[in-house]
Amino acid sequence: MATNETLTTLPDLLRPGLDVVFVGINPGETSARLGHYYANPGNAFWRLLSASSLVSRPVGPTDDASLAAAVPRRIGFTDVVKRVETDSTKVTPSEVRASVEAFRARLAGARPRAVCFTGGRQFDALFPGVRPRNGWGRQPVELAGAAVWVIPSTSGRAAAYRPQIATVLEALAQSLDGAVAA
């Protein structure tokens, strides 16, 4: 089995005209090995996204690149830190802070309508003190001109938060449709 030192990071799936970009803290080993975002079977991201109105059909990891041209929403993916590491707790706060400038530059090139962080740690590193503990949903900041949202981590370790994730994804979809969502 390959170690994370031999795995290549995931490419950014970003382009101008995206409706939403999902932002992880870093790619996990399974995702890097398979070459797709949120590819670990224990991660609920794709199940939760499929159950939302952000997509028109069930989707999975192999759909990640094609979602940039999908209907009803064009969806992109990136991570703040590009280093492969399955245990995101091993990604240090200083490593996240050191990656912020490059992340912001990548995102500025895409200029999405919304950004959704799939976990609070990466958001909190970019916007310290803005989000209250367990403050999920739309945040009172913008990033590269985009509305900013935060959902709890979709990893298996955060299974208790699944209802909050579903609620926030629906609010995000409504917001993109022009309805008022918080």
C-alpha atoms as a PDB file:
ATOM      1  CA  MET A   1       0.000   0.000   0.000  1.00  0.00           C
ATOM      2  CA  ALA A   2       1.220   3.455  -0.872  1.00  0.00           C
ATOM      3  CA  THR A   3       2.032   5.947   1.839  1.00  0.00           C
ATOM      4  CA  ASN A   4       0.843   9.515   1.689  1.00  0.00           C
ATOM      5  CA  GLU A   5       4.356  10.646   0.672  1.00  0.00           C
ATOM      6  CA  THR A   6       3.994   8.781  -2.630  1.00  0.00           C
ATOM      7  CA  LEU A   7       0.467   9.915  -3.409  1.00  0.00           C
ATOM      8  CA  THR A   8      -0.206  12.880  -5.632  1.00  0.00           C
ATOM      9  CA  THR A   9      -2.630  15.460  -4.342  1.00  0.00           C
ATOM     10  CA  LEU A  10      -5.979  15.984  -5.988  1.00  0.00           C
ATOM     11  CA  PRO A  11      -6.158  18.595  -8.724  1.00  0.00           C
ATOM     12  CA  ASP A  12      -8.364  21.619  -8.153  1.00  0.00           C
ATOM     13  CA  LEU A  13     -11.655  21.204  -9.999  1.00  0.00           C
ATOM     14  CA  LEU A  14     -12.166  24.924 -10.498  1.00  0.00           C
ATOM     15  CA  ARG A  15     -13.170  27.088 -13.428  1.00  0.00           C
ATOM     16  CA  PRO A  16     -15.002  30.374 -13.940  1.00  0.00           C
ATOM     17  CA  GLY A  17     -18.782  30.222 -13.789  1.00  0.00           C
ATOM     18  CA  LEU A  18     -19.196  27.750 -10.931  1.00  0.00           C
ATOM     19  CA  ASP A  19     -22.243  28.058  -8.720  1.00  0.00           C
ATOM     20  CA  VAL A  20     -20.595  26.516  -5.667  1.00  0.00           C
ATOM     21  CA  VAL A  21     -17.158  25.226  -4.698  1.00  0.00           C
ATOM     22  CA  PHE A  22     -16.857  22.670  -1.917  1.00  0.00           C
ATOM     23  CA  VAL A  23     -13.674  23.172   0.115  1.00  0.00           C
ATOM     24  CA  GLY A  24     -12.073  20.456   2.209  1.00  0.00           C
ATOM     25  CA  ILE A  25      -9.199  20.906   4.605  1.00  0.00           C
ATOM     26  CA  ASN A  26      -6.926  18.480   2.669  1.00  0.00           C
ATOM     27  CA  PRO A  27      -7.215  15.377   0.477  1.00  0.00           C
ATOM     28  CA  GLY A  28      -7.288  12.013   2.232  1.00  0.00           C
ATOM     29  CA  GLU A  29      -5.214   9.046   1.107  1.00  0.00           C
ATOM     30  CA  THR A  30      -8.165   7.118  -0.356  1.00  0.00           C
ATOM     31  CA  SER A  31      -9.285  10.149  -2.340  1.00  0.00           C
ATOM     32  CA  ALA A  32      -5.752  10.778  -3.632  1.00  0.00           C
ATOM     33  CA  ARG A  33      -5.254   7.117  -4.538  1.00  0.00           C
ATOM     34  CA  LEU A  34      -8.574   6.980  -6.421  1.00  0.00           C
ATOM     35  CA  GLY A  35      -8.171  10.484  -7.870  1.00  0.00           C
ATOM     36  CA  HIS A  36     -11.553  11.805  -6.683  1.00  0.00           C
ATOM     37  CA  TYR A  37     -12.800  14.104  -3.943  1.00  0.00           C
ATOM     38  CA  TYR A  38     -14.483  12.546  -0.871  1.00  0.00           C
ATOM     39  CA  ALA A  39     -13.841   9.036  -2.235  1.00  0.00           C
ATOM     40  CA  ASN A  40     -13.484   7.244   1.107  1.00  0.00           C
ATOM     41  CA  PRO A  41     -16.570   5.008   1.450  1.00  0.00           C
ATOM     42  CA  GLY A  42     -16.947   6.135   5.080  1.00  0.00           C
ATOM     43  CA  ASN A  43     -17.368   9.750   3.998  1.00  0.00           C
ATOM     44  CA  ALA A  44     -21.026  10.744   3.591  1.00  0.00           C
ATOM     45  CA  PHE A  45     -20.397  13.712   1.277  1.00  0.00           C
ATOM     46  CA  TRP A  46     -21.769  12.111  -1.885  1.00  0.00           C
ATOM     47  CA  ARG A  47     -24.802  10.578  -0.163  1.00  0.00           C
ATOM     48  CA  LEU A  48     -25.689  13.943   1.375  1.00  0.00           C
ATOM     49  CA  LEU A  49     -25.091  15.854  -1.859  1.00  0.00           C
ATOM     50  CA  SER A  50     -27.190  13.314  -3.797  1.00  0.00           C
ATOM     51  CA  ALA A  51     -30.056  13.749  -1.345  1.00  0.00           C
ATOM     52  CA  SER A  52     -29.991  17.542  -1.778  1.00  0.00           C
ATOM     53  CA  SER A  53     -31.525  19.658  -4.509  1.00  0.00           C
ATOM     54  CA  LEU A  54     -28.058  20.920  -5.464  1.00  0.00           C
ATOM     55  CA  VAL A  55     -27.891  18.044  -7.968  1.00  0.00           C
ATOM     56  CA  SER A  56     -30.523  16.534 -10.259  1.00  0.00           C
ATOM     57  CA  ARG A  57     -29.465  12.901  -9.895  1.00  0.00           C
ATOM     58  CA  PRO A  58     -27.490  10.661  -7.550  1.00  0.00           C
ATOM     59  CA  VAL A  59     -23.766  11.441  -7.782  1.00  0.00           C
ATOM     60  CA  GLY A  60     -20.582   9.854  -6.496  1.00  0.00           C
ATOM     61  CA  PRO A  61     -16.836  10.428  -6.410  1.00  0.00           C
ATOM     62  CA  THR A  62     -16.321   9.640 -10.114  1.00  0.00           C
ATOM     63  CA  ASP A  63     -18.712  12.496 -10.957  1.00  0.00           C
ATOM     64  CA  ASP A  64     -16.547  15.160  -9.303  1.00  0.00           C
ATOM     65  CA  ALA A  65     -14.945  16.519 -12.506  1.00  0.00           C
ATOM     66  CA  SER A  66     -18.157  16.450 -14.566  1.00  0.00           C
ATOM     67  CA  LEU A  67     -20.127  18.465 -12.013  1.00  0.00           C
ATOM     68  CA  ALA A  68     -18.419  21.669 -13.167  1.00  0.00           C
ATOM     69  CA  ALA A  69     -20.726  21.578 -16.218  1.00  0.00           C
ATOM     70  CA  ALA A  70     -23.750  19.975 -14.529  1.00  0.00           C
ATOM     71  CA  VAL A  71     -27.347  21.102 -14.322  1.00  0.00           C
ATOM     72  CA  PRO A  72     -28.924  22.525 -12.221  1.00  0.00           C
ATOM     73  CA  ARG A  73     -25.681  23.639 -10.507  1.00  0.00           C
ATOM     74  CA  ARG A  74     -22.081  23.862 -11.663  1.00  0.00           C
ATOM     75  CA  ILE A  75     -20.022  22.484  -8.765  1.00  0.00           C
ATOM     76  CA  GLY A  76     -16.272  22.619  -8.186  1.00  0.00           C
ATOM     77  CA  PHE A  77     -13.890  21.198  -5.591  1.00  0.00           C
ATOM     78  CA  THR A  78     -10.649  22.127  -3.873  1.00  0.00           C
ATOM     79  CA  ASP A  79      -8.856  21.887  -0.533  1.00  0.00           C
ATOM     80  CA  VAL A  80      -7.142  24.598   1.499  1.00  0.00           C
ATOM     81  CA  VAL A  81      -4.086  22.409   2.141  1.00  0.00           C
ATOM     82  CA  LYS A  82      -3.052  20.243  -0.811  1.00  0.00           C
ATOM     83  CA  ARG A  83      -0.977  17.760   1.224  1.00  0.00           C
ATOM     84  CA  VAL A  84      -2.397  14.224   1.313  1.00  0.00           C
ATOM     85  CA  GLU A  85      -3.206  13.073   4.849  1.00  0.00           C
ATOM     86  CA  THR A  86      -6.115  10.880   5.900  1.00  0.00           C
ATOM     87  CA  ASP A  87      -6.170  12.092   9.507  1.00  0.00           C
ATOM     88  CA  SER A  88      -6.924  15.781   9.071  1.00  0.00           C
ATOM     89  CA  THR A  89      -6.032  16.405  12.714  1.00  0.00           C
ATOM     90  CA  LYS A  90      -2.410  15.955  11.571  1.00  0.00           C
ATOM     91  CA  VAL A  91      -2.823  19.052   9.384  1.00  0.00           C
ATOM     92  CA  THR A  92      -1.612  21.714  11.783  1.00  0.00           C
ATOM     93  CA  PRO A  93      -3.185  25.148  12.202  1.00  0.00           C
ATOM     94  CA  SER A  94       0.081  26.717  11.017  1.00  0.00           C
ATOM     95  CA  GLU A  95       0.009  24.532   7.885  1.00  0.00           C
ATOM     96  CA  VAL A  96      -3.535  25.692   7.158  1.00  0.00           C
ATOM     97  CA  ARG A  97      -2.571  29.351   7.702  1.00  0.00           C
ATOM     98  CA  ALA A  98       0.459  28.916   5.423  1.00  0.00           C
ATOM     99  CA  SER A  99      -1.821  27.579   2.661  1.00  0.00           C
ATOM    100  CA  VAL A 100      -4.422  30.349   2.838  1.00  0.00           C
ATOM    101  CA  GLU A 101      -2.817  32.763   0.352  1.00  0.00           C
ATOM    102  CA  ALA A 102      -2.449  30.108  -2.378  1.00  0.00           C
ATOM    103  CA  PHE A 103      -5.988  28.869  -1.685  1.00  0.00           C
ATOM    104  CA  ARG A 104      -7.424  32.380  -1.984  1.00  0.00           C
ATOM    105  CA  ALA A 105      -5.587  32.865  -5.292  1.00  0.00           C
ATOM    106  CA  ARG A 106      -6.966  29.592  -6.702  1.00  0.00           C
ATOM    107  CA  LEU A 107     -10.476  30.525  -5.666  1.00  0.00           C
ATOM    108  CA  ALA A 108     -10.212  34.071  -7.052  1.00  0.00           C
ATOM    109  CA  GLY A 109      -9.554  32.611 -10.503  1.00  0.00           C
ATOM    110  CA  ALA A 110     -12.812  30.653 -10.378  1.00  0.00           C
ATOM    111  CA  ARG A 111     -14.997  33.427  -8.897  1.00  0.00           C
ATOM    112  CA  PRO A 112     -17.829  31.103  -7.814  1.00  0.00           C
ATOM    113  CA  ARG A 113     -21.208  32.331  -6.587  1.00  0.00           C
ATOM    114  CA  ALA A 114     -20.826  30.415  -3.311  1.00  0.00           C
ATOM    115  CA  VAL A 115     -18.134  28.608  -1.352  1.00  0.00           C
ATOM    116  CA  CYS A 116     -19.031  25.814   1.068  1.00  0.00           C
ATOM    117  CA  PHE A 117     -16.419  24.631   3.544  1.00  0.00           C
ATOM    118  CA  THR A 118     -16.868  20.964   4.452  1.00  0.00           C
ATOM    119  CA  GLY A 119     -15.713  21.477   8.013  1.00  0.00           C
ATOM    120  CA  GLY A 120     -15.143  24.348  10.370  1.00  0.00           C
ATOM    121  CA  ARG A 121     -11.364  24.174  10.823  1.00  0.00           C
ATOM    122  CA  GLN A 122     -10.487  25.490   7.368  1.00  0.00           C
ATOM    123  CA  PHE A 123     -13.083  28.272   7.560  1.00  0.00           C
ATOM    124  CA  ASP A 124     -11.904  29.277  11.041  1.00  0.00           C
ATOM    125  CA  ALA A 125      -8.304  29.531   9.788  1.00  0.00           C
ATOM    126  CA  LEU A 126      -9.369  31.992   7.074  1.00  0.00           C
ATOM    127  CA  PHE A 127     -11.804  33.921   9.259  1.00  0.00           C
ATOM    128  CA  PRO A 128     -10.722  33.603  12.909  1.00  0.00           C
ATOM    129  CA  GLY A 129     -13.391  34.461  15.446  1.00  0.00           C
ATOM    130  CA  VAL A 130     -16.199  34.892  12.903  1.00  0.00           C
ATOM    131  CA  ARG A 131     -18.072  31.608  13.352  1.00  0.00           C
ATOM    132  CA  PRO A 132     -19.478  30.588  16.715  1.00  0.00           C
ATOM    133  CA  ARG A 133     -18.924  26.985  17.766  1.00  0.00           C
ATOM    134  CA  ASN A 134     -21.272  24.789  15.704  1.00  0.00           C
ATOM    135  CA  GLY A 135     -22.305  27.852  13.706  1.00  0.00           C
ATOM    136  CA  TRP A 136     -23.216  26.078  10.491  1.00  0.00           C
ATOM    137  CA  GLY A 137     -24.750  27.622   7.388  1.00  0.00           C
ATOM    138  CA  ARG A 138     -24.222  30.969   5.717  1.00  0.00           C
ATOM    139  CA  GLN A 139     -21.489  33.083   7.275  1.00  0.00           C
ATOM    140  CA  PRO A 140     -21.308  36.910   7.493  1.00  0.00           C
ATOM    141  CA  VAL A 141     -18.290  37.133   5.153  1.00  0.00           C
ATOM    142  CA  GLU A 142     -17.476  36.833   1.457  1.00  0.00           C
ATOM    143  CA  LEU A 143     -14.561  35.097  -0.218  1.00  0.00           C
ATOM    144  CA  ALA A 144     -13.509  36.093  -3.741  1.00  0.00           C
ATOM    145  CA  GLY A 145     -16.912  37.799  -4.031  1.00  0.00           C
ATOM    146  CA  ALA A 146     -18.753  34.593  -3.116  1.00  0.00           C
ATOM    147  CA  ALA A 147     -21.227  33.903  -0.342  1.00  0.00           C
ATOM    148  CA  VAL A 148     -19.605  31.643   2.248  1.00  0.00           C
ATOM    149  CA  TRP A 149     -21.218  28.603   3.860  1.00  0.00           C
ATOM    150  CA  VAL A 150     -19.930  26.042   6.360  1.00  0.00           C
ATOM    151  CA  ILE A 151     -21.182  22.503   6.932  1.00  0.00           C
ATOM    152  CA  PRO A 152     -19.884  20.047   9.509  1.00  0.00           C
ATOM    153  CA  SER A 153     -17.328  17.531   8.296  1.00  0.00           C
ATOM    154  CA  THR A 154     -18.830  14.721   6.223  1.00  0.00           C
ATOM    155  CA  SER A 155     -16.277  12.192   7.496  1.00  0.00           C
ATOM    156  CA  GLY A 156     -17.395   9.098   9.338  1.00  0.00           C
ATOM    157  CA  ARG A 157     -16.155  10.606  12.606  1.00  0.00           C
ATOM    158  CA  ALA A 158     -18.787  13.354  12.368  1.00  0.00           C
ATOM    159  CA  ALA A 159     -21.859  11.183  11.708  1.00  0.00           C
ATOM    160  CA  ALA A 160     -23.896  12.906  14.429  1.00  0.00           C
ATOM    161  CA  TYR A 161     -23.958  16.099  12.324  1.00  0.00           C
ATOM    162  CA  ARG A 162     -25.641  14.607   9.222  1.00  0.00           C
ATOM    163  CA  PRO A 163     -29.044  16.302   9.850  1.00  0.00           C
ATOM    164  CA  GLN A 164     -27.354  19.727  10.078  1.00  0.00           C
ATOM    165  CA  ILE A 165     -25.474  19.062   6.824  1.00  0.00           C
ATOM    166  CA  ALA A 166     -28.676  18.205   4.958  1.00  0.00           C
ATOM    167  CA  THR A 167     -30.363  21.358   6.261  1.00  0.00           C
ATOM    168  CA  VAL A 168     -27.460  23.604   5.236  1.00  0.00           C
ATOM    169  CA  LEU A 169     -27.193  22.043   1.758  1.00  0.00           C
ATOM    170  CA  GLU A 170     -30.887  22.752   1.173  1.00  0.00           C
ATOM    171  CA  ALA A 171     -30.502  26.332   2.376  1.00  0.00           C
ATOM    172  CA  LEU A 172     -27.526  26.725   0.036  1.00  0.00           C
ATOM    173  CA  ALA A 173     -29.564  25.394  -2.910  1.00  0.00           C
ATOM    174  CA  GLN A 174     -32.402  27.803  -2.104  1.00  0.00           C
ATOM    175  CA  SER A 175     -29.952  30.667  -1.870  1.00  0.00           C
ATOM    176  CA  LEU A 176     -28.531  29.837  -5.302  1.00  0.00           C
ATOM    177  CA  ASP A 177     -32.088  29.744  -6.656  1.00  0.00           C
ATOM    178  CA  GLY A 178     -32.590  33.287  -5.369  1.00  0.00           C
ATOM    179  CA  ALA A 179     -34.682  32.439  -2.331  1.00  0.00           C
ATOM    180  CA  VAL A 180     -33.772  33.881   1.038  1.00  0.00           C
ATOM    181  CA  ALA A 181     -31.767  31.351   3.075  1.00  0.00           C
ATOM    182  CA  ALA A 182     -29.759  31.626   6.243  1.00  0.00           C
END
